[in-house]
Amino acid sequence: MNCCFCGPVKNCGPYLRKVFDNIEKIGSLFDDYKILIFYDKSNDNTLDILKEYQLKNSRLLFYVNEKPTSPFRTHNIAYARNQCLKYIRQNVQTYPYF
């Protein structure tokens, strides 16, 4: 079975390495997995960590949001979630878990 881990990130640099460690542990339970991250412009090193981790794990795909973000955090999270779901429906529809 396959799985796709999805999530929005913004200013998450201090936490990403631990999150990726956990994803790798859970991902080992599946035949294959992908990690899909929707990135909003951050004020920390989030993007650098994503690029660094992508070199380590080719399963990571991340999308950099070019659209201006909303002043409302919930709007940004919902938009990111919808973009992740759109990717899943178009590219990994055979994955039963996401």
PDB file of N, CA and C in Angstrom:
ATOM      1  N   MET A   1       0.836  -1.191   0.000  1.00  0.00           N
ATOM      2  CA  MET A   1       0.000   0.000   0.000  1.00  0.00           C
ATOM      3  C   MET A   1       0.871   1.241   0.000  1.00  0.00           C
ATOM      4  N   ASN A   2       0.309   2.308  -0.514  1.00  0.00           N
ATOM      5  CA  ASN A   2       1.025   3.571  -0.636  1.00  0.00           C
ATOM      6  C   ASN A   2       0.319   4.661   0.151  1.00  0.00           C
ATOM      7  N   CYS A   3       1.092   5.701   0.489  1.00  0.00           N
ATOM      8  CA  CYS A   3       0.560   6.799   1.293  1.00  0.00           C
ATOM      9  C   CYS A   3       1.175   8.112   0.823  1.00  0.00           C
ATOM     10  N   CYS A   4       0.410   9.175   0.926  1.00  0.00           N
ATOM     11  CA  CYS A   4       0.910  10.510   0.629  1.00  0.00           C
ATOM     12  C   CYS A   4       0.687  11.390   1.861  1.00  0.00           C
ATOM     13  N   PHE A   5       1.778  11.905   2.410  1.00  0.00           N
ATOM     14  CA  PHE A   5       1.713  12.822   3.555  1.00  0.00           C
ATOM     15  C   PHE A   5       1.652  14.236   3.004  1.00  0.00           C
ATOM     16  N   CYS A   6       0.707  15.015   3.478  1.00  0.00           N
ATOM     17  CA  CYS A   6       0.501  16.366   2.960  1.00  0.00           C
ATOM     18  C   CYS A   6       0.458  17.366   4.103  1.00  0.00           C
ATOM     19  N   GLY A   7       0.875  18.596   3.800  1.00  0.00           N
ATOM     20  CA  GLY A   7       0.744  19.614   4.817  1.00  0.00           C
ATOM     21  C   GLY A   7       1.168  20.987   4.359  1.00  0.00           C
ATOM     22  N   PRO A   8       0.566  22.006   4.946  1.00  0.00           N
ATOM     23  CA  PRO A   8       0.993  23.383   4.698  1.00  0.00           C
ATOM     24  C   PRO A   8       2.105  23.762   5.674  1.00  0.00           C
ATOM     25  N   VAL A   9       3.041  24.571   5.223  1.00  0.00           N
ATOM     26  CA  VAL A   9       4.079  25.061   6.131  1.00  0.00           C
ATOM     27  C   VAL A   9       4.306  26.555   5.924  1.00  0.00           C
ATOM     28  N   LYS A  10       4.514  27.217   7.025  1.00  0.00           N
ATOM     29  CA  LYS A  10       4.910  28.626   7.047  1.00  0.00           C
ATOM     30  C   LYS A  10       5.556  28.863   8.402  1.00  0.00           C
ATOM     31  N   ASN A  11       6.781  29.337   8.383  1.00  0.00           N
ATOM     32  CA  ASN A  11       7.526  29.597   9.615  1.00  0.00           C
ATOM     33  C   ASN A  11       7.589  28.354  10.511  1.00  0.00           C
ATOM     34  N   CYS A  12       7.922  27.229   9.912  1.00  0.00           N
ATOM     35  CA  CYS A  12       7.973  25.952  10.637  1.00  0.00           C
ATOM     36  C   CYS A  12       9.398  25.415  10.768  1.00  0.00           C
ATOM     37  N   GLY A  13      10.387  26.206  10.427  1.00  0.00           N
ATOM     38  CA  GLY A  13      11.768  25.746  10.428  1.00  0.00           C
ATOM     39  C   GLY A  13      12.199  24.975  11.662  1.00  0.00           C
ATOM     40  N   PRO A  14      11.903  25.459  12.872  1.00  0.00           N
ATOM     41  CA  PRO A  14      12.373  24.762  14.074  1.00  0.00           C
ATOM     42  C   PRO A  14      11.793  23.360  14.249  1.00  0.00           C
ATOM     43  N   TYR A  15      10.713  23.041  13.567  1.00  0.00           N
ATOM     44  CA  TYR A  15      10.006  21.771  13.790  1.00  0.00           C
ATOM     45  C   TYR A  15      10.145  20.769  12.646  1.00  0.00           C
ATOM     46  N   LEU A  16      10.550  21.235  11.474  1.00  0.00           N
ATOM     47  CA  LEU A  16      10.479  20.390  10.286  1.00  0.00           C
ATOM     48  C   LEU A  16      11.319  19.122  10.361  1.00  0.00           C
ATOM     49  N   ARG A  17      12.512  19.204  10.905  1.00  0.00           N
ATOM     50  CA  ARG A  17      13.366  18.010  10.948  1.00  0.00           C
ATOM     51  C   ARG A  17      12.719  16.890  11.762  1.00  0.00           C
ATOM     52  N   LYS A  18      12.132  17.231  12.879  1.00  0.00           N
ATOM     53  CA  LYS A  18      11.435  16.225  13.698  1.00  0.00           C
ATOM     54  C   LYS A  18      10.207  15.680  12.965  1.00  0.00           C
ATOM     55  N   VAL A  19       9.487  16.558  12.284  1.00  0.00           N
ATOM     56  CA  VAL A  19       8.320  16.127  11.518  1.00  0.00           C
ATOM     57  C   VAL A  19       8.751  15.140  10.437  1.00  0.00           C
ATOM     58  N   PHE A  20       9.826  15.454   9.722  1.00  0.00           N
ATOM     59  CA  PHE A  20      10.313  14.552   8.678  1.00  0.00           C
ATOM     60  C   PHE A  20      10.789  13.222   9.268  1.00  0.00           C
ATOM     61  N   ASP A  21      11.400  13.256  10.434  1.00  0.00           N
ATOM     62  CA  ASP A  21      11.796  12.000  11.102  1.00  0.00           C
ATOM     63  C   ASP A  21      10.571  11.133  11.365  1.00  0.00           C
ATOM     64  N   ASN A  22       9.517  11.740  11.867  1.00  0.00           N
ATOM     65  CA  ASN A  22       8.275  10.998  12.138  1.00  0.00           C
ATOM     66  C   ASN A  22       7.635  10.479  10.854  1.00  0.00           C
ATOM     67  N   ILE A  23       7.643  11.294   9.817  1.00  0.00           N
ATOM     68  CA  ILE A  23       7.072  10.859   8.539  1.00  0.00           C
ATOM     69  C   ILE A  23       7.838   9.655   8.004  1.00  0.00           C
ATOM     70  N   GLU A  24       9.160   9.680   8.115  1.00  0.00           N
ATOM     71  CA  GLU A  24       9.957   8.555   7.636  1.00  0.00           C
ATOM     72  C   GLU A  24       9.634   7.274   8.410  1.00  0.00           C
ATOM     73  N   LYS A  25       9.434   7.399   9.706  1.00  0.00           N
ATOM     74  CA  LYS A  25       9.074   6.222  10.511  1.00  0.00           C
ATOM     75  C   LYS A  25       7.729   5.652  10.070  1.00  0.00           C
ATOM     76  N   ILE A  26       6.756   6.522   9.915  1.00  0.00           N
ATOM     77  CA  ILE A  26       5.430   6.073   9.479  1.00  0.00           C
ATOM     78  C   ILE A  26       5.497   5.584   8.029  1.00  0.00           C
ATOM     79  N   GLY A  27       6.238   6.289   7.198  1.00  0.00           N
ATOM     80  CA  GLY A  27       6.363   5.922   5.789  1.00  0.00           C
ATOM     81  C   GLY A  27       6.956   4.537   5.589  1.00  0.00           C
ATOM     82  N   SER A  28       7.798   4.099   6.525  1.00  0.00           N
ATOM     83  CA  SER A  28       8.412   2.767   6.401  1.00  0.00           C
ATOM     84  C   SER A  28       7.383   1.647   6.516  1.00  0.00           C
ATOM     85  N   LEU A  29       6.195   1.959   6.996  1.00  0.00           N
ATOM     86  CA  LEU A  29       5.130   0.967   7.106  1.00  0.00           C
ATOM     87  C   LEU A  29       4.431   0.709   5.764  1.00  0.00           C
ATOM     88  N   PHE A  30       4.705   1.546   4.777  1.00  0.00           N
ATOM     89  CA  PHE A  30       4.057   1.455   3.473  1.00  0.00           C
ATOM     90  C   PHE A  30       5.048   0.981   2.417  1.00  0.00           C
ATOM     91  N   ASP A  31       4.519   0.452   1.324  1.00  0.00           N
ATOM     92  CA  ASP A  31       5.360   0.049   0.199  1.00  0.00           C
ATOM     93  C   ASP A  31       6.056   1.264  -0.405  1.00  0.00           C
ATOM     94  N   ASP A  32       5.321   2.338  -0.496  1.00  0.00           N
ATOM     95  CA  ASP A  32       5.863   3.584  -1.034  1.00  0.00           C
ATOM     96  C   ASP A  32       5.099   4.740  -0.404  1.00  0.00           C
ATOM     97  N   TYR A  33       5.739   5.891  -0.352  1.00  0.00           N
ATOM     98  CA  TYR A  33       5.072   7.088   0.157  1.00  0.00           C
ATOM     99  C   TYR A  33       5.647   8.320  -0.504  1.00  0.00           C
ATOM    100  N   LYS A  34       4.871   9.376  -0.501  1.00  0.00           N
ATOM    101  CA  LYS A  34       5.298  10.688  -0.970  1.00  0.00           C
ATOM    102  C   LYS A  34       5.005  11.685   0.146  1.00  0.00           C
ATOM    103  N   ILE A  35       5.762  12.764   0.124  1.00  0.00           N
ATOM    104  CA  ILE A  35       5.534  13.861   1.059  1.00  0.00           C
ATOM    105  C   ILE A  35       5.254  15.093   0.217  1.00  0.00           C
ATOM    106  N   LEU A  36       4.108  15.675   0.392  1.00  0.00           N
ATOM    107  CA  LEU A  36       3.712  16.858  -0.367  1.00  0.00           C
ATOM    108  C   LEU A  36       3.548  18.022   0.602  1.00  0.00           C
ATOM    109  N   ILE A  37       4.342  19.048   0.396  1.00  0.00           N
ATOM    110  CA  ILE A  37       4.310  20.225   1.263  1.00  0.00           C
ATOM    111  C   ILE A  37       3.920  21.437   0.435  1.00  0.00           C
ATOM    112  N   PHE A  38       3.008  22.225   0.977  1.00  0.00           N
ATOM    113  CA  PHE A  38       2.603  23.486   0.363  1.00  0.00           C
ATOM    114  C   PHE A  38       3.220  24.593   1.203  1.00  0.00           C
ATOM    115  N   TYR A  39       4.161  25.314   0.636  1.00  0.00           N
ATOM    116  CA  TYR A  39       4.951  26.315   1.357  1.00  0.00           C
ATOM    117  C   TYR A  39       4.457  27.730   1.076  1.00  0.00           C
ATOM    118  N   ASP A  40       4.182  28.475   2.143  1.00  0.00           N
ATOM    119  CA  ASP A  40       3.922  29.913   2.055  1.00  0.00           C
ATOM    120  C   ASP A  40       5.171  30.651   2.508  1.00  0.00           C
ATOM    121  N   LYS A  41       5.416  31.798   1.914  1.00  0.00           N
ATOM    122  CA  LYS A  41       6.604  32.595   2.230  1.00  0.00           C
ATOM    123  C   LYS A  41       6.746  32.745   3.743  1.00  0.00           C
ATOM    124  N   SER A  42       7.944  32.412   4.228  1.00  0.00           N
ATOM    125  CA  SER A  42       8.202  32.414   5.673  1.00  0.00           C
ATOM    126  C   SER A  42       9.278  33.426   6.025  1.00  0.00           C
ATOM    127  N   ASN A  43       9.341  33.727   7.310  1.00  0.00           N
ATOM    128  CA  ASN A  43      10.348  34.643   7.833  1.00  0.00           C
ATOM    129  C   ASN A  43      11.500  33.901   8.490  1.00  0.00           C
ATOM    130  N   ASP A  44      11.545  32.598   8.316  1.00  0.00           N
ATOM    131  CA  ASP A  44      12.613  31.802   8.924  1.00  0.00           C
ATOM    132  C   ASP A  44      13.262  30.936   7.843  1.00  0.00           C
ATOM    133  N   ASN A  45      13.914  29.875   8.246  1.00  0.00           N
ATOM    134  CA  ASN A  45      14.661  29.025   7.323  1.00  0.00           C
ATOM    135  C   ASN A  45      13.853  27.836   6.797  1.00  0.00           C
ATOM    136  N   THR A  46      12.552  27.926   6.811  1.00  0.00           N
ATOM    137  CA  THR A  46      11.695  26.827   6.361  1.00  0.00           C
ATOM    138  C   THR A  46      12.041  26.374   4.949  1.00  0.00           C
ATOM    139  N   LEU A  47      12.153  27.301   4.010  1.00  0.00           N
ATOM    140  CA  LEU A  47      12.434  26.934   2.625  1.00  0.00           C
ATOM    141  C   LEU A  47      13.798  26.256   2.499  1.00  0.00           C
ATOM    142  N   ASP A  48      14.792  26.741   3.214  1.00  0.00           N
ATOM    143  CA  ASP A  48      16.127  26.127   3.178  1.00  0.00           C
ATOM    144  C   ASP A  48      16.069  24.681   3.671  1.00  0.00           C
ATOM    145  N   ILE A  49      15.311  24.442   4.729  1.00  0.00           N
ATOM    146  CA  ILE A  49      15.192  23.089   5.280  1.00  0.00           C
ATOM    147  C   ILE A  49      14.468  22.173   4.286  1.00  0.00           C
ATOM    148  N   LEU A  50      13.437  22.682   3.625  1.00  0.00           N
ATOM    149  CA  LEU A  50      12.735  21.893   2.615  1.00  0.00           C
ATOM    150  C   LEU A  50      13.680  21.492   1.482  1.00  0.00           C
ATOM    151  N   LYS A  51      14.475  22.439   0.999  1.00  0.00           N
ATOM    152  CA  LYS A  51      15.418  22.149  -0.085  1.00  0.00           C
ATOM    153  C   LYS A  51      16.472  21.139   0.370  1.00  0.00           C
ATOM    154  N   GLU A  52      16.964  21.315   1.579  1.00  0.00           N
ATOM    155  CA  GLU A  52      17.972  20.402   2.137  1.00  0.00           C
ATOM    156  C   GLU A  52      17.400  18.989   2.275  1.00  0.00           C
ATOM    157  N   TYR A  53      16.194  18.884   2.784  1.00  0.00           N
ATOM    158  CA  TYR A  53      15.581  17.577   2.978  1.00  0.00           C
ATOM    159  C   TYR A  53      15.249  16.914   1.643  1.00  0.00           C
ATOM    160  N   GLN A  54      14.881  17.703   0.646  1.00  0.00           N
ATOM    161  CA  GLN A  54      14.557  17.146  -0.663  1.00  0.00           C
ATOM    162  C   GLN A  54      15.782  16.460  -1.282  1.00  0.00           C
ATOM    163  N   LEU A  55      16.964  16.978  -0.998  1.00  0.00           N
ATOM    164  CA  LEU A  55      18.191  16.332  -1.474  1.00  0.00           C
ATOM    165  C   LEU A  55      18.396  14.976  -0.790  1.00  0.00           C
ATOM    166  N   LYS A  56      17.962  14.887   0.448  1.00  0.00           N
ATOM    167  CA  LYS A  56      18.097  13.662   1.232  1.00  0.00           C
ATOM    168  C   LYS A  56      17.016  12.635   0.889  1.00  0.00           C
ATOM    169  N   ASN A  57      15.813  13.112   0.624  1.00  0.00           N
ATOM    170  CA  ASN A  57      14.688  12.221   0.377  1.00  0.00           C
ATOM    171  C   ASN A  57      13.924  12.704  -0.862  1.00  0.00           C
ATOM    172  N   SER A  58      14.089  11.986  -1.952  1.00  0.00           N
ATOM    173  CA  SER A  58      13.473  12.396  -3.220  1.00  0.00           C
ATOM    174  C   SER A  58      11.955  12.241  -3.216  1.00  0.00           C
ATOM    175  N   ARG A  59      11.413  11.657  -2.163  1.00  0.00           N
ATOM    176  CA  ARG A  59       9.949  11.524  -2.068  1.00  0.00           C
ATOM    177  C   ARG A  59       9.271  12.852  -1.741  1.00  0.00           C
ATOM    178  N   LEU A  60      10.064  13.829  -1.305  1.00  0.00           N
ATOM    179  CA  LEU A  60       9.501  15.136  -0.946  1.00  0.00           C
ATOM    180  C   LEU A  60       9.256  15.964  -2.194  1.00  0.00           C
ATOM    181  N   LEU A  61       8.027  16.416  -2.330  1.00  0.00           N
ATOM    182  CA  LEU A  61       7.650  17.383  -3.345  1.00  0.00           C
ATOM    183  C   LEU A  61       7.120  18.594  -2.593  1.00  0.00           C
ATOM    184  N   PHE A  62       7.555  19.779  -2.982  1.00  0.00           N
ATOM    185  CA  PHE A  62       6.951  20.941  -2.337  1.00  0.00           C
ATOM    186  C   PHE A  62       6.615  21.996  -3.375  1.00  0.00           C
ATOM    187  N   TYR A  63       5.517  22.650  -3.104  1.00  0.00           N
ATOM    188  CA  TYR A  63       4.991  23.679  -3.966  1.00  0.00           C
ATOM    189  C   TYR A  63       5.165  25.016  -3.254  1.00  0.00           C
ATOM    190  N   VAL A  64       5.765  25.969  -3.933  1.00  0.00           N
ATOM    191  CA  VAL A  64       5.945  27.302  -3.361  1.00  0.00           C
ATOM    192  C   VAL A  64       4.789  28.172  -3.831  1.00  0.00           C
ATOM    193  N   ASN A  65       4.005  28.636  -2.885  1.00  0.00           N
ATOM    194  CA  ASN A  65       2.844  29.466  -3.197  1.00  0.00           C
ATOM    195  C   ASN A  65       3.296  30.837  -3.691  1.00  0.00           C
ATOM    196  N   GLU A  66       2.922  31.161  -4.913  1.00  0.00           N
ATOM    197  CA  GLU A  66       3.247  32.469  -5.489  1.00  0.00           C
ATOM    198  C   GLU A  66       2.104  33.464  -5.293  1.00  0.00           C
ATOM    199  N   LYS A  67       0.948  32.947  -4.903  1.00  0.00           N
ATOM    200  CA  LYS A  67      -0.244  33.773  -4.708  1.00  0.00           C
ATOM    201  C   LYS A  67      -0.106  34.528  -3.374  1.00  0.00           C
ATOM    202  N   PRO A  68      -0.492  35.792  -3.350  1.00  0.00           N
ATOM    203  CA  PRO A  68      -0.445  36.516  -2.073  1.00  0.00           C
ATOM    204  C   PRO A  68      -1.283  35.812  -1.016  1.00  0.00           C
ATOM    205  N   THR A  69      -0.759  35.758   0.184  1.00  0.00           N
ATOM    206  CA  THR A  69      -1.484  35.081   1.252  1.00  0.00           C
ATOM    207  C   THR A  69      -2.523  36.004   1.869  1.00  0.00           C
ATOM    208  N   SER A  70      -3.505  35.394   2.444  1.00  0.00           N
ATOM    209  CA  SER A  70      -4.571  36.117   3.123  1.00  0.00           C
ATOM    210  C   SER A  70      -4.084  36.568   4.501  1.00  0.00           C
ATOM    211  N   PRO A  71      -4.646  37.620   5.026  1.00  0.00           N
ATOM    212  CA  PRO A  71      -4.292  38.003   6.397  1.00  0.00           C
ATOM    213  C   PRO A  71      -4.859  37.018   7.427  1.00  0.00           C
ATOM    214  N   PHE A  72      -5.735  36.133   6.966  1.00  0.00           N
ATOM    215  CA  PHE A  72      -6.351  35.165   7.868  1.00  0.00           C
ATOM    216  C   PHE A  72      -5.652  33.814   7.746  1.00  0.00           C
ATOM    217  N   ARG A  73      -5.094  33.360   8.830  1.00  0.00           N
ATOM    218  CA  ARG A  73      -4.348  32.100   8.862  1.00  0.00           C
ATOM    219  C   ARG A  73      -5.203  30.925   8.375  1.00  0.00           C
ATOM    220  N   THR A  74      -6.451  30.885   8.801  1.00  0.00           N
ATOM    221  CA  THR A  74      -7.326  29.777   8.417  1.00  0.00           C
ATOM    222  C   THR A  74      -7.563  29.727   6.906  1.00  0.00           C
ATOM    223  N   HIS A  75      -7.605  30.897   6.255  1.00  0.00           N
ATOM    224  CA  HIS A  75      -7.775  30.937   4.799  1.00  0.00           C
ATOM    225  C   HIS A  75      -6.553  30.327   4.117  1.00  0.00           C
ATOM    226  N   ASN A  76      -5.371  30.663   4.629  1.00  0.00           N
ATOM    227  CA  ASN A  76      -4.129  30.146   4.041  1.00  0.00           C
ATOM    228  C   ASN A  76      -4.031  28.633   4.209  1.00  0.00           C
ATOM    229  N   ILE A  77      -4.412  28.139   5.369  1.00  0.00           N
ATOM    230  CA  ILE A  77      -4.360  26.697   5.614  1.00  0.00           C
ATOM    231  C   ILE A  77      -5.355  25.978   4.709  1.00  0.00           C
ATOM    232  N   ALA A  78      -6.560  26.519   4.577  1.00  0.00           N
ATOM    233  CA  ALA A  78      -7.576  25.898   3.725  1.00  0.00           C
ATOM    234  C   ALA A  78      -7.131  25.896   2.260  1.00  0.00           C
ATOM    235  N   TYR A  79      -6.543  26.992   1.804  1.00  0.00           N
ATOM    236  CA  TYR A  79      -6.060  27.064   0.426  1.00  0.00           C
ATOM    237  C   TYR A  79      -4.968  26.018   0.194  1.00  0.00           C
ATOM    238  N   ALA A  80      -4.035  25.910   1.128  1.00  0.00           N
ATOM    239  CA  ALA A  80      -2.948  24.932   1.012  1.00  0.00           C
ATOM    240  C   ALA A  80      -3.500  23.508   1.001  1.00  0.00           C
ATOM    241  N   ARG A  81      -4.442  23.236   1.885  1.00  0.00           N
ATOM    242  CA  ARG A  81      -5.069  21.910   1.928  1.00  0.00           C
ATOM    243  C   ARG A  81      -5.721  21.575   0.600  1.00  0.00           C
ATOM    244  N   ASN A  82      -6.445  22.539   0.035  1.00  0.00           N
ATOM    245  CA  ASN A  82      -7.128  22.310  -1.234  1.00  0.00           C
ATOM    246  C   ASN A  82      -6.142  22.074  -2.371  1.00  0.00           C
ATOM    247  N   GLN A  83      -5.015  22.770  -2.343  1.00  0.00           N
ATOM    248  CA  GLN A  83      -3.996  22.550  -3.369  1.00  0.00           C
ATOM    249  C   GLN A  83      -3.382  21.155  -3.233  1.00  0.00           C
ATOM    250  N   CYS A  84      -3.177  20.704  -2.003  1.00  0.00           N
ATOM    251  CA  CYS A  84      -2.668  19.347  -1.771  1.00  0.00           C
ATOM    252  C   CYS A  84      -3.672  18.310  -2.282  1.00  0.00           C
ATOM    253  N   LEU A  85      -4.942  18.494  -1.974  1.00  0.00           N
ATOM    254  CA  LEU A  85      -5.971  17.560  -2.446  1.00  0.00           C
ATOM    255  C   LEU A  85      -6.058  17.543  -3.973  1.00  0.00           C
ATOM    256  N   LYS A  86      -5.912  18.696  -4.564  1.00  0.00           N
ATOM    257  CA  LYS A  86      -5.921  18.779  -6.028  1.00  0.00           C
ATOM    258  C   LYS A  86      -4.768  17.961  -6.610  1.00  0.00           C
ATOM    259  N   TYR A  87      -3.588  18.101  -6.019  1.00  0.00           N
ATOM    260  CA  TYR A  87      -2.431  17.330  -6.491  1.00  0.00           C
ATOM    261  C   TYR A  87      -2.696  15.829  -6.360  1.00  0.00           C
ATOM    262  N   ILE A  88      -3.229  15.427  -5.228  1.00  0.00           N
ATOM    263  CA  ILE A  88      -3.507  14.003  -4.996  1.00  0.00           C
ATOM    264  C   ILE A  88      -4.484  13.477  -6.044  1.00  0.00           C
ATOM    265  N   ARG A  89      -5.546  14.196  -6.277  1.00  0.00           N
ATOM    266  CA  ARG A  89      -6.562  13.753  -7.240  1.00  0.00           C
ATOM    267  C   ARG A  89      -6.006  13.649  -8.658  1.00  0.00           C
ATOM    268  N   GLN A  90      -5.041  14.518  -8.985  1.00  0.00           N
ATOM    269  CA  GLN A  90      -4.503  14.528 -10.333  1.00  0.00           C
ATOM    270  C   GLN A  90      -3.304  13.603 -10.522  1.00  0.00           C
ATOM    271  N   ASN A  91      -2.573  13.291  -9.441  1.00  0.00           N
ATOM    272  CA  ASN A  91      -1.299  12.603  -9.607  1.00  0.00           C
ATOM    273  C   ASN A  91      -1.140  11.285  -8.860  1.00  0.00           C
ATOM    274  N   VAL A  92      -1.771  11.146  -7.733  1.00  0.00           N
ATOM    275  CA  VAL A  92      -1.582   9.917  -6.950  1.00  0.00           C
ATOM    276  C   VAL A  92      -2.918   9.351  -6.488  1.00  0.00           C
ATOM    277  N   GLN A  93      -3.842   9.314  -7.398  1.00  0.00           N
ATOM    278  CA  GLN A  93      -5.184   8.843  -7.042  1.00  0.00           C
ATOM    279  C   GLN A  93      -5.207   7.372  -6.689  1.00  0.00           C
ATOM    280  N   THR A  94      -4.143   6.632  -6.986  1.00  0.00           N
ATOM    281  CA  THR A  94      -4.091   5.218  -6.637  1.00  0.00           C
ATOM    282  C   THR A  94      -3.638   5.000  -5.194  1.00  0.00           C
ATOM    283  N   TYR A  95      -3.209   6.064  -4.521  1.00  0.00           N
ATOM    284  CA  TYR A  95      -2.764   5.952  -3.126  1.00  0.00           C
ATOM    285  C   TYR A  95      -4.004   5.945  -2.226  1.00  0.00           C
ATOM    286  N   PRO A  96      -4.231   4.876  -1.464  1.00  0.00           N
ATOM    287  CA  PRO A  96      -5.437   4.806  -0.646  1.00  0.00           C
ATOM    288  C   PRO A  96      -5.379   5.685   0.615  1.00  0.00           C
ATOM    289  N   TYR A  97      -4.181   6.105   1.002  1.00  0.00           N
ATOM    290  CA  TYR A  97      -4.055   6.902   2.233  1.00  0.00           C
ATOM    291  C   TYR A  97      -3.337   8.210   1.939  1.00  0.00           C
ATOM    292  N   PHE A  98      -3.865   9.274   2.529  1.00  0.00           N
ATOM    293  CA  PHE A  98      -3.192  10.567   2.474  1.00  0.00           C
ATOM    294  C   PHE A  98      -3.591  11.393   3.656  1.00  0.00           C
TER     295      PHE A  98
END
